[in-house]
PDB file of all heavy atoms in Angstrom:
ATOM      1  N   ARG A   1      63.820  15.161 -38.207  1.00  0.00           N
ATOM      2  CA  ARG A   1      62.858  14.646 -39.178  1.00  0.00           C
ATOM      3  C   ARG A   1      61.501  15.327 -39.064  1.00  0.00           C
ATOM      4  O   ARG A   1      60.797  15.462 -40.065  1.00  0.00           O
ATOM      5  CB  ARG A   1      62.673  13.137 -39.021  1.00  0.00           C
ATOM      6  CG  ARG A   1      63.935  12.327 -39.268  1.00  0.00           C
ATOM      7  CD  ARG A   1      63.632  10.833 -39.315  1.00  0.00           C
ATOM      8  NE  ARG A   1      63.092  10.344 -38.050  1.00  0.00           N
ATOM      9  CZ  ARG A   1      61.890   9.813 -37.910  1.00  0.00           C
ATOM     10  NH1 ARG A   1      61.085   9.688 -38.962  1.00  0.00           N
ATOM     11  NH2 ARG A   1      61.475   9.375 -36.721  1.00  0.00           N
ATOM     12  N   PHE A   2      61.134  15.725 -37.858  1.00  0.00           N
ATOM     13  CA  PHE A   2      59.844  16.365 -37.621  1.00  0.00           C
ATOM     14  C   PHE A   2      60.042  17.841 -37.317  1.00  0.00           C
ATOM     15  O   PHE A   2      61.085  18.253 -36.792  1.00  0.00           O
ATOM     16  CB  PHE A   2      59.119  15.708 -36.446  1.00  0.00           C
ATOM     17  CG  PHE A   2      58.645  14.304 -36.701  1.00  0.00           C
ATOM     18  CD1 PHE A   2      59.019  13.608 -37.837  1.00  0.00           C
ATOM     19  CD2 PHE A   2      57.813  13.679 -35.786  1.00  0.00           C
ATOM     20  CE1 PHE A   2      58.591  12.313 -38.068  1.00  0.00           C
ATOM     21  CE2 PHE A   2      57.370  12.388 -36.001  1.00  0.00           C
ATOM     22  CZ  PHE A   2      57.756  11.703 -37.141  1.00  0.00           C
ATOM     23  N   ASN A   3      59.016  18.630 -37.603  1.00  0.00           N
ATOM     24  CA  ASN A   3      59.049  20.057 -37.311  1.00  0.00           C
ATOM     25  C   ASN A   3      57.704  20.497 -36.753  1.00  0.00           C
ATOM     26  O   ASN A   3      56.665  20.219 -37.354  1.00  0.00           O
ATOM     27  CB  ASN A   3      59.388  20.864 -38.559  1.00  0.00           C
ATOM     28  CG  ASN A   3      59.468  22.355 -38.278  1.00  0.00           C
ATOM     29  OD1 ASN A   3      60.362  22.821 -37.584  1.00  0.00           O
ATOM     30  ND2 ASN A   3      58.529  23.118 -38.836  1.00  0.00           N
ATOM     31  N   ILE A   4      57.746  21.171 -35.603  1.00  0.00           N
ATOM     32  CA  ILE A   4      56.526  21.686 -35.002  1.00  0.00           C
ATOM     33  C   ILE A   4      56.446  23.191 -35.229  1.00  0.00           C
ATOM     34  O   ILE A   4      57.459  23.891 -35.199  1.00  0.00           O
ATOM     35  CB  ILE A   4      56.467  21.356 -33.492  1.00  0.00           C
ATOM     36  CG1 ILE A   4      55.108  21.734 -32.905  1.00  0.00           C
ATOM     37  CG2 ILE A   4      57.596  22.051 -32.735  1.00  0.00           C
ATOM     38  CD1 ILE A   4      54.911  21.261 -31.469  1.00  0.00           C
ATOM     39  N   SER A   5      55.244  23.684 -35.464  1.00  0.00           N
ATOM     40  CA  SER A   5      55.019  25.107 -35.637  1.00  0.00           C
ATOM     41  C   SER A   5      53.658  25.462 -35.049  1.00  0.00           C
ATOM     42  O   SER A   5      52.803  24.590 -34.881  1.00  0.00           O
ATOM     43  CB  SER A   5      55.086  25.515 -37.113  1.00  0.00           C
ATOM     44  OG  SER A   5      54.110  24.832 -37.882  1.00  0.00           O
ATOM     45  N   ARG A   6      53.472  26.728 -34.732  1.00  0.00           N
ATOM     46  CA  ARG A   6      52.213  27.152 -34.132  1.00  0.00           C
ATOM     47  C   ARG A   6      51.758  28.477 -34.712  1.00  0.00           C
ATOM     48  O   ARG A   6      52.567  29.305 -35.135  1.00  0.00           O
ATOM     49  CB  ARG A   6      52.342  27.252 -32.609  1.00  0.00           C
ATOM     50  CG  ARG A   6      53.398  28.245 -32.135  1.00  0.00           C
ATOM     51  CD  ARG A   6      53.648  28.109 -30.639  1.00  0.00           C
ATOM     52  NE  ARG A   6      52.526  28.582 -29.852  1.00  0.00           N
ATOM     53  CZ  ARG A   6      52.390  28.370 -28.538  1.00  0.00           C
ATOM     54  NH1 ARG A   6      53.301  27.662 -27.885  1.00  0.00           N
ATOM     55  NH2 ARG A   6      51.335  28.857 -27.897  1.00  0.00           N
ATOM     56  N   ASP A   7      50.453  28.674 -34.715  1.00  0.00           N
ATOM     57  CA  ASP A   7      49.833  29.911 -35.162  1.00  0.00           C
ATOM     58  C   ASP A   7      48.797  30.278 -34.112  1.00  0.00           C
ATOM     59  O   ASP A   7      47.663  29.804 -34.152  1.00  0.00           O
ATOM     60  CB  ASP A   7      49.188  29.735 -36.538  1.00  0.00           C
ATOM     61  CG  ASP A   7      48.681  31.043 -37.120  1.00  0.00           C
ATOM     62  OD1 ASP A   7      48.448  31.998 -36.353  1.00  0.00           O
ATOM     63  OD2 ASP A   7      48.515  31.109 -38.355  1.00  0.00           O
ATOM     64  N   ASP A   8      49.196  31.118 -33.169  1.00  0.00           N
ATOM     65  CA  ASP A   8      48.315  31.444 -32.048  1.00  0.00           C
ATOM     66  C   ASP A   8      47.070  32.199 -32.501  1.00  0.00           C
ATOM     67  O   ASP A   8      46.014  32.084 -31.882  1.00  0.00           O
ATOM     68  CB  ASP A   8      49.068  32.254 -31.001  1.00  0.00           C
ATOM     69  CG  ASP A   8      50.030  31.409 -30.185  1.00  0.00           C
ATOM     70  OD1 ASP A   8      50.402  30.322 -30.652  1.00  0.00           O
ATOM     71  OD2 ASP A   8      50.403  31.832 -29.070  1.00  0.00           O
ATOM     72  N   ALA A   9      47.186  32.987 -33.571  1.00  0.00           N
ATOM     73  CA  ALA A   9      46.027  33.704 -34.086  1.00  0.00           C
ATOM     74  C   ALA A   9      44.943  32.739 -34.547  1.00  0.00           C
ATOM     75  O   ALA A   9      43.751  33.038 -34.462  1.00  0.00           O
ATOM     76  CB  ALA A   9      46.427  34.636 -35.223  1.00  0.00           C
ATOM     77  N   LYS A  10      45.348  31.585 -35.053  1.00  0.00           N
ATOM     78  CA  LYS A  10      44.415  30.556 -35.491  1.00  0.00           C
ATOM     79  C   LYS A  10      44.189  29.497 -34.422  1.00  0.00           C
ATOM     80  O   LYS A  10      43.446  28.540 -34.658  1.00  0.00           O
ATOM     81  CB  LYS A  10      44.910  29.894 -36.773  1.00  0.00           C
ATOM     82  CG  LYS A  10      44.999  30.834 -37.962  1.00  0.00           C
ATOM     83  CD  LYS A  10      45.482  30.097 -39.198  1.00  0.00           C
ATOM     84  CE  LYS A  10      45.545  31.019 -40.390  1.00  0.00           C
ATOM     85  NZ  LYS A  10      46.027  30.317 -41.609  1.00  0.00           N
ATOM     86  N   LYS A  11      44.833  29.674 -33.274  1.00  0.00           N
ATOM     87  CA  LYS A  11      44.750  28.709 -32.178  1.00  0.00           C
ATOM     88  C   LYS A  11      45.057  27.306 -32.678  1.00  0.00           C
ATOM     89  O   LYS A  11      44.325  26.344 -32.413  1.00  0.00           O
ATOM     90  CB  LYS A  11      43.374  28.770 -31.505  1.00  0.00           C
ATOM     91  CG  LYS A  11      43.087  30.108 -30.843  1.00  0.00           C
ATOM     92  CD  LYS A  11      41.795  30.094 -30.045  1.00  0.00           C
ATOM     93  CE  LYS A  11      40.592  29.988 -30.961  1.00  0.00           C
ATOM     94  NZ  LYS A  11      39.318  30.089 -30.192  1.00  0.00           N
ATOM     95  N   SER A  12      46.163  27.209 -33.408  1.00  0.00           N
ATOM     96  CA  SER A  12      46.523  25.948 -34.050  1.00  0.00           C
ATOM     97  C   SER A  12      47.990  25.616 -33.840  1.00  0.00           C
ATOM     98  O   SER A  12      48.828  26.498 -33.645  1.00  0.00           O
ATOM     99  CB  SER A  12      46.233  26.011 -35.550  1.00  0.00           C
ATOM    100  OG  SER A  12      44.864  26.249 -35.806  1.00  0.00           O
ATOM    101  N   VAL A  13      48.283  24.336 -33.887  1.00  0.00           N
ATOM    102  CA  VAL A  13      49.652  23.850 -33.851  1.00  0.00           C
ATOM    103  C   VAL A  13      49.762  22.726 -34.878  1.00  0.00           C
ATOM    104  O   VAL A  13      48.820  21.953 -35.077  1.00  0.00           O
ATOM    105  CB  VAL A  13      50.052  23.363 -32.437  1.00  0.00           C
ATOM    106  CG1 VAL A  13      49.162  22.218 -31.978  1.00  0.00           C
ATOM    107  CG2 VAL A  13      51.516  22.970 -32.405  1.00  0.00           C
ATOM    108  N   TYR A  14      50.923  22.651 -35.539  1.00  0.00           N
ATOM    109  CA  TYR A  14      51.108  21.706 -36.625  1.00  0.00           C
ATOM    110  C   TYR A  14      52.344  20.848 -36.387  1.00  0.00           C
ATOM    111  O   TYR A  14      53.284  21.260 -35.712  1.00  0.00           O
ATOM    112  CB  TYR A  14      51.252  22.442 -37.960  1.00  0.00           C
ATOM    113  CG  TYR A  14      50.172  23.468 -38.208  1.00  0.00           C
ATOM    114  CD1 TYR A  14      50.364  24.803 -37.865  1.00  0.00           C
ATOM    115  CD2 TYR A  14      48.956  23.098 -38.769  1.00  0.00           C
ATOM    116  CE1 TYR A  14      49.374  25.743 -38.081  1.00  0.00           C
ATOM    117  CE2 TYR A  14      47.959  24.036 -38.988  1.00  0.00           C
ATOM    118  CZ  TYR A  14      48.173  25.353 -38.647  1.00  0.00           C
ATOM    119  OH  TYR A  14      47.185  26.289 -38.865  1.00  0.00           O
ATOM    120  N   LEU A  15      52.333  19.677 -36.965  1.00  0.00           N
ATOM    121  CA  LEU A  15      53.483  18.784 -36.919  1.00  0.00           C
ATOM    122  C   LEU A  15      53.768  18.307 -38.334  1.00  0.00           C
ATOM    123  O   LEU A  15      52.981  17.550 -38.904  1.00  0.00           O
ATOM    124  CB  LEU A  15      53.226  17.590 -35.995  1.00  0.00           C
ATOM    125  CG  LEU A  15      54.398  16.630 -35.820  1.00  0.00           C
ATOM    126  CD1 LEU A  15      55.531  17.312 -35.043  1.00  0.00           C
ATOM    127  CD2 LEU A  15      53.958  15.355 -35.106  1.00  0.00           C
ATOM    128  N   ASP A  16      54.879  18.760 -38.894  1.00  0.00           N
ATOM    129  CA  ASP A  16      55.309  18.334 -40.216  1.00  0.00           C
ATOM    130  C   ASP A  16      56.289  17.182 -40.066  1.00  0.00           C
ATOM    131  O   ASP A  16      57.372  17.351 -39.501  1.00  0.00           O
ATOM    132  CB  ASP A  16      55.949  19.491 -40.979  1.00  0.00           C
ATOM    133  CG  ASP A  16      54.944  20.555 -41.360  1.00  0.00           C
ATOM    134  OD1 ASP A  16      54.015  20.238 -42.143  1.00  0.00           O
ATOM    135  OD2 ASP A  16      55.076  21.705 -40.888  1.00  0.00           O
ATOM    136  N   MET A  17      55.914  16.029 -40.577  1.00  0.00           N
ATOM    137  CA  MET A  17      56.706  14.823 -40.439  1.00  0.00           C
ATOM    138  C   MET A  17      57.281  14.430 -41.790  1.00  0.00           C
ATOM    139  O   MET A  17      56.566  14.389 -42.785  1.00  0.00           O
ATOM    140  CB  MET A  17      55.856  13.680 -39.883  1.00  0.00           C
ATOM    141  CG  MET A  17      55.161  14.005 -38.568  1.00  0.00           C
ATOM    142  SD  MET A  17      54.176  12.625 -37.935  1.00  0.00           S
ATOM    143  CE  MET A  17      52.866  12.584 -39.165  1.00  0.00           C
ATOM    144  N   SER A  18      58.567  14.128 -41.827  1.00  0.00           N
ATOM    145  CA  SER A  18      59.233  13.697 -43.047  1.00  0.00           C
ATOM    146  C   SER A  18      60.109  12.494 -42.744  1.00  0.00           C
ATOM    147  O   SER A  18      60.397  12.187 -41.590  1.00  0.00           O
ATOM    148  CB  SER A  18      60.055  14.832 -43.652  1.00  0.00           C
ATOM    149  OG  SER A  18      61.082  15.244 -42.775  1.00  0.00           O
ATOM    150  N   LYS A  19      60.545  11.830 -43.820  1.00  0.00           N
ATOM    151  CA  LYS A  19      61.371  10.626 -43.684  1.00  0.00           C
ATOM    152  C   LYS A  19      60.761   9.657 -42.678  1.00  0.00           C
ATOM    153  O   LYS A  19      61.444   9.126 -41.801  1.00  0.00           O
ATOM    154  CB  LYS A  19      62.796  10.998 -43.283  1.00  0.00           C
ATOM    155  CG  LYS A  19      63.495  11.907 -44.284  1.00  0.00           C
ATOM    156  CD  LYS A  19      64.895  12.268 -43.825  1.00  0.00           C
ATOM    157  CE  LYS A  19      65.588  13.177 -44.825  1.00  0.00           C
ATOM    158  NZ  LYS A  19      66.948  13.564 -44.374  1.00  0.00           N
ATOM    159  N   LEU A  20      59.485   9.428 -42.840  1.00  0.00           N
ATOM    160  CA  LEU A  20      58.752   8.596 -41.897  1.00  0.00           C
ATOM    161  C   LEU A  20      59.225   7.147 -41.939  1.00  0.00           C
ATOM    162  O   LEU A  20      59.569   6.625 -42.996  1.00  0.00           O
ATOM    163  CB  LEU A  20      57.255   8.670 -42.184  1.00  0.00           C
ATOM    164  CG  LEU A  20      56.584   9.971 -41.734  1.00  0.00           C
ATOM    165  CD1 LEU A  20      55.242  10.153 -42.414  1.00  0.00           C
ATOM    166  CD2 LEU A  20      56.420   9.978 -40.217  1.00  0.00           C
ATOM    167  N   ARG A  21      59.228   6.518 -40.792  1.00  0.00           N
ATOM    168  CA  ARG A  21      59.649   5.135 -40.621  1.00  0.00           C
ATOM    169  C   ARG A  21      58.505   4.316 -40.045  1.00  0.00           C
ATOM    170  O   ARG A  21      57.599   4.858 -39.430  1.00  0.00           O
ATOM    171  CB  ARG A  21      60.845   5.069 -39.666  1.00  0.00           C
ATOM    172  CG  ARG A  21      62.001   5.994 -40.007  1.00  0.00           C
ATOM    173  CD  ARG A  21      62.933   6.126 -38.827  1.00  0.00           C
ATOM    174  NE  ARG A  21      64.055   7.014 -39.107  1.00  0.00           N
ATOM    175  CZ  ARG A  21      64.887   7.475 -38.186  1.00  0.00           C
ATOM    176  NH1 ARG A  21      64.740   7.117 -36.919  1.00  0.00           N
ATOM    177  NH2 ARG A  21      65.886   8.285 -38.534  1.00  0.00           N
ATOM    178  N   PRO A  22      58.541   2.993 -40.236  1.00  0.00           N
ATOM    179  CA  PRO A  22      57.513   2.153 -39.623  1.00  0.00           C
ATOM    180  C   PRO A  22      57.423   2.345 -38.110  1.00  0.00           C
ATOM    181  O   PRO A  22      56.336   2.233 -37.544  1.00  0.00           O
ATOM    182  CB  PRO A  22      57.970   0.731 -39.971  1.00  0.00           C
ATOM    183  CG  PRO A  22      58.693   0.902 -41.263  1.00  0.00           C
ATOM    184  CD  PRO A  22      59.417   2.229 -41.130  1.00  0.00           C
ATOM    185  N   GLY A  23      58.546   2.665 -37.465  1.00  0.00           N
ATOM    186  CA  GLY A  23      58.554   2.907 -36.037  1.00  0.00           C
ATOM    187  C   GLY A  23      57.796   4.148 -35.614  1.00  0.00           C
ATOM    188  O   GLY A  23      57.536   4.336 -34.419  1.00  0.00           O
ATOM    189  N   ASP A  24      57.438   5.004 -36.570  1.00  0.00           N
ATOM    190  CA  ASP A  24      56.642   6.188 -36.271  1.00  0.00           C
ATOM    191  C   ASP A  24      55.153   5.874 -36.169  1.00  0.00           C
ATOM    192  O   ASP A  24      54.368   6.749 -35.801  1.00  0.00           O
ATOM    193  CB  ASP A  24      56.860   7.260 -37.337  1.00  0.00           C
ATOM    194  CG  ASP A  24      58.281   7.785 -37.359  1.00  0.00           C
ATOM    195  OD1 ASP A  24      58.864   7.973 -36.267  1.00  0.00           O
ATOM    196  OD2 ASP A  24      58.817   8.014 -38.460  1.00  0.00           O
ATOM    197  N   THR A  25      54.769   4.666 -36.509  1.00  0.00           N
ATOM    198  CA  THR A  25      53.367   4.271 -36.444  1.00  0.00           C
ATOM    199  C   THR A  25      52.859   4.377 -35.014  1.00  0.00           C
ATOM    200  O   THR A  25      53.421   3.776 -34.099  1.00  0.00           O
ATOM    201  CB  THR A  25      53.175   2.839 -36.961  1.00  0.00           C
ATOM    202  OG1 THR A  25      53.538   2.785 -38.343  1.00  0.00           O
ATOM    203  CG2 THR A  25      51.731   2.399 -36.805  1.00  0.00           C
ATOM    204  N   ALA A  26      51.805   5.151 -34.823  1.00  0.00           N
ATOM    205  CA  ALA A  26      51.261   5.392 -33.491  1.00  0.00           C
ATOM    206  C   ALA A  26      50.015   6.257 -33.601  1.00  0.00           C
ATOM    207  O   ALA A  26      49.691   6.782 -34.665  1.00  0.00           O
ATOM    208  CB  ALA A  26      52.300   6.087 -32.601  1.00  0.00           C
ATOM    209  N   ILE A  27      49.330   6.393 -32.485  1.00  0.00           N
ATOM    210  CA  ILE A  27      48.282   7.393 -32.370  1.00  0.00           C
ATOM    211  C   ILE A  27      48.934   8.668 -31.859  1.00  0.00           C
ATOM    212  O   ILE A  27      49.622   8.647 -30.839  1.00  0.00           O
ATOM    213  CB  ILE A  27      47.158   6.953 -31.413  1.00  0.00           C
ATOM    214  CG1 ILE A  27      46.514   5.657 -31.895  1.00  0.00           C
ATOM    215  CG2 ILE A  27      46.101   8.034 -31.305  1.00  0.00           C
ATOM    216  CD1 ILE A  27      45.464   5.108 -30.947  1.00  0.00           C
ATOM    217  N   TYR A  28      48.717   9.746 -32.571  1.00  0.00           N
ATOM    218  CA  TYR A  28      49.314  11.023 -32.220  1.00  0.00           C
ATOM    219  C   TYR A  28      48.281  11.912 -31.538  1.00  0.00           C
ATOM    220  O   TYR A  28      47.178  12.115 -32.060  1.00  0.00           O
ATOM    221  CB  TYR A  28      49.873  11.710 -33.471  1.00  0.00           C
ATOM    222  CG  TYR A  28      51.162  11.092 -33.963  1.00  0.00           C
ATOM    223  CD1 TYR A  28      51.163   9.828 -34.546  1.00  0.00           C
ATOM    224  CD2 TYR A  28      52.376  11.759 -33.828  1.00  0.00           C
ATOM    225  CE1 TYR A  28      52.344   9.243 -34.976  1.00  0.00           C
ATOM    226  CE2 TYR A  28      53.557  11.186 -34.262  1.00  0.00           C
ATOM    227  CZ  TYR A  28      53.541   9.933 -34.830  1.00  0.00           C
ATOM    228  OH  TYR A  28      54.718   9.359 -35.266  1.00  0.00           O
ATOM    229  N   TYR A  29      48.658  12.447 -30.384  1.00  0.00           N
ATOM    230  CA  TYR A  29      47.759  13.264 -29.578  1.00  0.00           C
ATOM    231  C   TYR A  29      48.282  14.687 -29.484  1.00  0.00           C
ATOM    232  O   TYR A  29      49.478  14.913 -29.306  1.00  0.00           O
ATOM    233  CB  TYR A  29      47.622  12.700 -28.163  1.00  0.00           C
ATOM    234  CG  TYR A  29      47.018  11.315 -28.096  1.00  0.00           C
ATOM    235  CD1 TYR A  29      47.824  10.182 -28.129  1.00  0.00           C
ATOM    236  CD2 TYR A  29      45.640  11.144 -27.990  1.00  0.00           C
ATOM    237  CE1 TYR A  29      47.280   8.917 -28.059  1.00  0.00           C
ATOM    238  CE2 TYR A  29      45.084   9.880 -27.919  1.00  0.00           C
ATOM    239  CZ  TYR A  29      45.916   8.769 -27.948  1.00  0.00           C
ATOM    240  OH  TYR A  29      45.371   7.513 -27.879  1.00  0.00           O
ATOM    241  N   CYS A  30      47.386  15.633 -29.569  1.00  0.00           N
ATOM    242  CA  CYS A  30      47.712  17.038 -29.378  1.00  0.00           C
ATOM    243  C   CYS A  30      47.451  17.429 -27.929  1.00  0.00           C
ATOM    244  O   CYS A  30      46.409  17.081 -27.367  1.00  0.00           O
ATOM    245  CB  CYS A  30      46.866  17.902 -30.319  1.00  0.00           C
ATOM    246  SG  CYS A  30      47.135  19.681 -30.161  1.00  0.00           S
TER     247      CYS A  30
END
């Protein structure tokens, strides 16, 4: 359901979340 990707040139990391459920409710930390 989730996909992580990174772009080191931009010093960034991403989390693409789909089909989200109420159980996904949380504080997300990098």
